[in-house]
Amino acid sequence: MKKIVTVIVTFNRKNKLMAAIDAYLKSNIFKIVVVNNASTDGTDSYLGFANQTLSFS
């Protein structure tokens, strides 16, 4: 089986990011890498919460 890594670059799109991560978690993705371009909409807080809750690496 191939390992698939997805990279998401985001800037002030927390709601879309949450939906994208949810969709990727339901698929066969090996790893999700999120690049936050200094968002000011709470993206950093969500990613901190998601990292603890979903065990991202």
PDB file of N, CA and C in Angstrom:
ATOM      1  N   MET A   1       0.833  -1.176   0.000  1.00  0.00           N
ATOM      2  CA  MET A   1       0.000   0.000   0.000  1.00  0.00           C
ATOM      3  C   MET A   1       0.882   1.245   0.000  1.00  0.00           C
ATOM      4  N   LYS A   2       0.533   2.206  -0.837  1.00  0.00           N
ATOM      5  CA  LYS A   2       1.276   3.455  -0.892  1.00  0.00           C
ATOM      6  C   LYS A   2       0.868   4.350   0.263  1.00  0.00           C
ATOM      7  N   LYS A   3       1.836   5.116   0.765  1.00  0.00           N
ATOM      8  CA  LYS A   3       1.559   6.089   1.813  1.00  0.00           C
ATOM      9  C   LYS A   3       1.378   7.450   1.153  1.00  0.00           C
ATOM     10  N   ILE A   4       0.258   8.090   1.443  1.00  0.00           N
ATOM     11  CA  ILE A   4      -0.060   9.386   0.846  1.00  0.00           C
ATOM     12  C   ILE A   4       0.050  10.468   1.902  1.00  0.00           C
ATOM     13  N   VAL A   5       0.786  11.517   1.572  1.00  0.00           N
ATOM     14  CA  VAL A   5       0.930  12.683   2.442  1.00  0.00           C
ATOM     15  C   VAL A   5       0.265  13.851   1.740  1.00  0.00           C
ATOM     16  N   THR A   6      -0.565  14.589   2.454  1.00  0.00           N
ATOM     17  CA  THR A   6      -1.183  15.777   1.889  1.00  0.00           C
ATOM     18  C   THR A   6      -0.684  17.015   2.617  1.00  0.00           C
ATOM     19  N   VAL A   7      -0.486  18.083   1.864  1.00  0.00           N
ATOM     20  CA  VAL A   7      -0.037  19.353   2.423  1.00  0.00           C
ATOM     21  C   VAL A   7      -1.140  20.383   2.188  1.00  0.00           C
ATOM     22  N   ILE A   8      -1.543  21.044   3.265  1.00  0.00           N
ATOM     23  CA  ILE A   8      -2.569  22.077   3.186  1.00  0.00           C
ATOM     24  C   ILE A   8      -1.938  23.392   3.620  1.00  0.00           C
ATOM     25  N   VAL A   9      -1.997  24.393   2.752  1.00  0.00           N
ATOM     26  CA  VAL A   9      -1.522  25.733   3.092  1.00  0.00           C
ATOM     27  C   VAL A   9      -2.759  26.587   3.336  1.00  0.00           C
ATOM     28  N   THR A  10      -2.781  27.303   4.467  1.00  0.00           N
ATOM     29  CA  THR A  10      -3.982  28.039   4.823  1.00  0.00           C
ATOM     30  C   THR A  10      -3.666  29.440   5.332  1.00  0.00           C
ATOM     31  N   PHE A  11      -4.592  30.360   5.082  1.00  0.00           N
ATOM     32  CA  PHE A  11      -4.542  31.705   5.634  1.00  0.00           C
ATOM     33  C   PHE A  11      -5.976  32.158   5.869  1.00  0.00           C
ATOM     34  N   ASN A  12      -6.361  32.248   7.133  1.00  0.00           N
ATOM     35  CA  ASN A  12      -7.701  32.703   7.538  1.00  0.00           C
ATOM     36  C   ASN A  12      -8.832  31.924   6.865  1.00  0.00           C
ATOM     37  N   ARG A  13      -8.713  30.621   6.873  1.00  0.00           N
ATOM     38  CA  ARG A  13      -9.753  29.739   6.312  1.00  0.00           C
ATOM     39  C   ARG A  13     -10.031  28.584   7.281  1.00  0.00           C
ATOM     40  N   LYS A  14     -10.188  28.913   8.555  1.00  0.00           N
ATOM     41  CA  LYS A  14     -10.338  27.874   9.581  1.00  0.00           C
ATOM     42  C   LYS A  14     -11.482  26.918   9.267  1.00  0.00           C
ATOM     43  N   ASN A  15     -12.643  27.431   8.905  1.00  0.00           N
ATOM     44  CA  ASN A  15     -13.793  26.554   8.655  1.00  0.00           C
ATOM     45  C   ASN A  15     -13.534  25.608   7.489  1.00  0.00           C
ATOM     46  N   LYS A  16     -12.934  26.120   6.427  1.00  0.00           N
ATOM     47  CA  LYS A  16     -12.608  25.257   5.289  1.00  0.00           C
ATOM     48  C   LYS A  16     -11.516  24.260   5.667  1.00  0.00           C
ATOM     49  N   LEU A  17     -10.566  24.690   6.469  1.00  0.00           N
ATOM     50  CA  LEU A  17      -9.507  23.797   6.933  1.00  0.00           C
ATOM     51  C   LEU A  17     -10.085  22.662   7.771  1.00  0.00           C
ATOM     52  N   MET A  18     -11.003  22.992   8.666  1.00  0.00           N
ATOM     53  CA  MET A  18     -11.633  21.964   9.502  1.00  0.00           C
ATOM     54  C   MET A  18     -12.353  20.933   8.641  1.00  0.00           C
ATOM     55  N   ALA A  19     -13.066  21.398   7.622  1.00  0.00           N
ATOM     56  CA  ALA A  19     -13.782  20.484   6.717  1.00  0.00           C
ATOM     57  C   ALA A  19     -12.797  19.626   5.923  1.00  0.00           C
ATOM     58  N   ALA A  20     -11.708  20.238   5.472  1.00  0.00           N
ATOM     59  CA  ALA A  20     -10.713  19.491   4.697  1.00  0.00           C
ATOM     60  C   ALA A  20     -10.050  18.415   5.553  1.00  0.00           C
ATOM     61  N   ILE A  21      -9.664  18.770   6.769  1.00  0.00           N
ATOM     62  CA  ILE A  21      -9.030  17.793   7.657  1.00  0.00           C
ATOM     63  C   ILE A  21     -10.001  16.657   7.963  1.00  0.00           C
ATOM     64  N   ASP A  22     -11.261  16.991   8.209  1.00  0.00           N
ATOM     65  CA  ASP A  22     -12.267  15.959   8.468  1.00  0.00           C
ATOM     66  C   ASP A  22     -12.383  15.006   7.282  1.00  0.00           C
ATOM     67  N   ALA A  23     -12.407  15.550   6.078  1.00  0.00           N
ATOM     68  CA  ALA A  23     -12.504  14.706   4.881  1.00  0.00           C
ATOM     69  C   ALA A  23     -11.264  13.834   4.711  1.00  0.00           C
ATOM     70  N   TYR A  24     -10.086  14.409   4.940  1.00  0.00           N
ATOM     71  CA  TYR A  24      -8.854  13.632   4.802  1.00  0.00           C
ATOM     72  C   TYR A  24      -8.772  12.520   5.838  1.00  0.00           C
ATOM     73  N   LEU A  25      -9.254  12.780   7.051  1.00  0.00           N
ATOM     74  CA  LEU A  25      -9.212  11.749   8.093  1.00  0.00           C
ATOM     75  C   LEU A  25     -10.109  10.560   7.758  1.00  0.00           C
ATOM     76  N   LYS A  26     -11.133  10.804   6.964  1.00  0.00           N
ATOM     77  CA  LYS A  26     -12.028   9.721   6.548  1.00  0.00           C
ATOM     78  C   LYS A  26     -11.471   8.939   5.362  1.00  0.00           C
ATOM     79  N   SER A  27     -10.415   9.449   4.753  1.00  0.00           N
ATOM     80  CA  SER A  27      -9.804   8.759   3.617  1.00  0.00           C
ATOM     81  C   SER A  27      -8.562   8.008   4.086  1.00  0.00           C
ATOM     82  N   ASN A  28      -7.786   7.562   3.159  1.00  0.00           N
ATOM     83  CA  ASN A  28      -6.631   6.718   3.470  1.00  0.00           C
ATOM     84  C   ASN A  28      -5.333   7.525   3.439  1.00  0.00           C
ATOM     85  N   ILE A  29      -5.323   8.681   4.092  1.00  0.00           N
ATOM     86  CA  ILE A  29      -4.157   9.550   4.102  1.00  0.00           C
ATOM     87  C   ILE A  29      -3.203   9.120   5.215  1.00  0.00           C
ATOM     88  N   PHE A  30      -1.924   9.032   4.892  1.00  0.00           N
ATOM     89  CA  PHE A  30      -0.903   8.636   5.857  1.00  0.00           C
ATOM     90  C   PHE A  30      -0.560   9.782   6.803  1.00  0.00           C
ATOM     91  N   LYS A  31      -0.419  10.987   6.250  1.00  0.00           N
ATOM     92  CA  LYS A  31      -0.031  12.131   7.065  1.00  0.00           C
ATOM     93  C   LYS A  31      -0.606  13.407   6.469  1.00  0.00           C
ATOM     94  N   ILE A  32      -0.989  14.328   7.338  1.00  0.00           N
ATOM     95  CA  ILE A  32      -1.464  15.648   6.926  1.00  0.00           C
ATOM     96  C   ILE A  32      -0.482  16.682   7.458  1.00  0.00           C
ATOM     97  N   VAL A  33       0.022  17.524   6.569  1.00  0.00           N
ATOM     98  CA  VAL A  33       0.913  18.618   6.950  1.00  0.00           C
ATOM     99  C   VAL A  33       0.157  19.915   6.687  1.00  0.00           C
ATOM    100  N   VAL A  34       0.014  20.752   7.716  1.00  0.00           N
ATOM    101  CA  VAL A  34      -0.682  22.021   7.566  1.00  0.00           C
ATOM    102  C   VAL A  34       0.316  23.151   7.738  1.00  0.00           C
ATOM    103  N   VAL A  35       0.346  24.045   6.754  1.00  0.00           N
ATOM    104  CA  VAL A  35       1.174  25.240   6.817  1.00  0.00           C
ATOM    105  C   VAL A  35       0.235  26.413   7.059  1.00  0.00           C
ATOM    106  N   ASN A  36       0.354  27.016   8.240  1.00  0.00           N
ATOM    107  CA  ASN A  36      -0.492  28.146   8.611  1.00  0.00           C
ATOM    108  C   ASN A  36       0.271  29.431   8.328  1.00  0.00           C
ATOM    109  N   ASN A  37      -0.218  30.213   7.384  1.00  0.00           N
ATOM    110  CA  ASN A  37       0.441  31.461   6.988  1.00  0.00           C
ATOM    111  C   ASN A  37      -0.025  32.624   7.851  1.00  0.00           C
ATOM    112  N   ALA A  38       0.232  32.549   9.150  1.00  0.00           N
ATOM    113  CA  ALA A  38      -0.068  33.633  10.100  1.00  0.00           C
ATOM    114  C   ALA A  38      -1.545  34.015  10.122  1.00  0.00           C
ATOM    115  N   SER A  39      -2.420  33.025  10.124  1.00  0.00           N
ATOM    116  CA  SER A  39      -3.854  33.290  10.195  1.00  0.00           C
ATOM    117  C   SER A  39      -4.211  34.007  11.489  1.00  0.00           C
ATOM    118  N   THR A  40      -5.253  34.807  11.427  1.00  0.00           N
ATOM    119  CA  THR A  40      -5.719  35.544  12.600  1.00  0.00           C
ATOM    120  C   THR A  40      -7.158  35.186  12.957  1.00  0.00           C
ATOM    121  N   ASP A  41      -7.654  34.085  12.408  1.00  0.00           N
ATOM    122  CA  ASP A  41      -9.048  33.690  12.614  1.00  0.00           C
ATOM    123  C   ASP A  41      -9.214  32.523  13.586  1.00  0.00           C
ATOM    124  N   GLY A  42      -8.184  32.217  14.356  1.00  0.00           N
ATOM    125  CA  GLY A  42      -8.254  31.111  15.303  1.00  0.00           C
ATOM    126  C   GLY A  42      -7.724  29.798  14.760  1.00  0.00           C
ATOM    127  N   THR A  43      -7.164  29.833  13.569  1.00  0.00           N
ATOM    128  CA  THR A  43      -6.609  28.615  12.972  1.00  0.00           C
ATOM    129  C   THR A  43      -5.538  28.006  13.864  1.00  0.00           C
ATOM    130  N   ASP A  44      -4.674  28.836  14.425  1.00  0.00           N
ATOM    131  CA  ASP A  44      -3.606  28.318  15.282  1.00  0.00           C
ATOM    132  C   ASP A  44      -4.165  27.606  16.508  1.00  0.00           C
ATOM    133  N   SER A  45      -5.217  28.145  17.101  1.00  0.00           N
ATOM    134  CA  SER A  45      -5.844  27.488  18.255  1.00  0.00           C
ATOM    135  C   SER A  45      -6.468  26.160  17.852  1.00  0.00           C
ATOM    136  N   TYR A  46      -7.142  26.134  16.704  1.00  0.00           N
ATOM    137  CA  TYR A  46      -7.744  24.890  16.220  1.00  0.00           C
ATOM    138  C   TYR A  46      -6.671  23.843  15.970  1.00  0.00           C
ATOM    139  N   LEU A  47      -5.579  24.237  15.325  1.00  0.00           N
ATOM    140  CA  LEU A  47      -4.519  23.276  15.033  1.00  0.00           C
ATOM    141  C   LEU A  47      -3.876  22.751  16.310  1.00  0.00           C
ATOM    142  N   GLY A  48      -3.742  23.594  17.321  1.00  0.00           N
ATOM    143  CA  GLY A  48      -3.223  23.144  18.608  1.00  0.00           C
ATOM    144  C   GLY A  48      -4.143  22.137  19.252  1.00  0.00           C
ATOM    145  N   PHE A  49      -5.450  22.405  19.197  1.00  0.00           N
ATOM    146  CA  PHE A  49      -6.449  21.481  19.733  1.00  0.00           C
ATOM    147  C   PHE A  49      -6.458  20.181  18.934  1.00  0.00           C
ATOM    148  N   ALA A  50      -6.445  20.293  17.612  1.00  0.00           N
ATOM    149  CA  ALA A  50      -6.485  19.107  16.752  1.00  0.00           C
ATOM    150  C   ALA A  50      -5.249  18.250  16.966  1.00  0.00           C
ATOM    151  N   ASN A  51      -4.114  18.877  17.141  1.00  0.00           N
ATOM    152  CA  ASN A  51      -2.872  18.130  17.358  1.00  0.00           C
ATOM    153  C   ASN A  51      -2.951  17.279  18.619  1.00  0.00           C
ATOM    154  N   GLN A  52      -3.522  17.830  19.677  1.00  0.00           N
ATOM    155  CA  GLN A  52      -3.670  17.073  20.924  1.00  0.00           C
ATOM    156  C   GLN A  52      -4.750  16.021  20.814  1.00  0.00           C
ATOM    157  N   THR A  53      -5.840  16.342  20.127  1.00  0.00           N
ATOM    158  CA  THR A  53      -6.991  15.443  20.050  1.00  0.00           C
ATOM    159  C   THR A  53      -6.806  14.333  19.038  1.00  0.00           C
ATOM    160  N   LEU A  54      -6.233  14.675  17.866  1.00  0.00           N
ATOM    161  CA  LEU A  54      -6.151  13.717  16.774  1.00  0.00           C
ATOM    162  C   LEU A  54      -4.777  13.073  16.631  1.00  0.00           C
ATOM    163  N   SER A  55      -3.844  13.474  17.477  1.00  0.00           N
ATOM    164  CA  SER A  55      -2.483  12.929  17.439  1.00  0.00           C
ATOM    165  C   SER A  55      -1.811  13.114  16.088  1.00  0.00           C
ATOM    166  N   PHE A  56      -1.882  14.339  15.562  1.00  0.00           N
ATOM    167  CA  PHE A  56      -1.134  14.651  14.336  1.00  0.00           C
ATOM    168  C   PHE A  56       0.335  14.595  14.676  1.00  0.00           C
ATOM    169  N   SER A  57       1.146  14.362  13.673  1.00  0.00           N
ATOM    170  CA  SER A  57       2.590  14.395  13.888  1.00  0.00           C
ATOM    171  C   SER A  57       3.237  15.272  12.852  1.00  0.00           C
TER     172      SER A  57
END
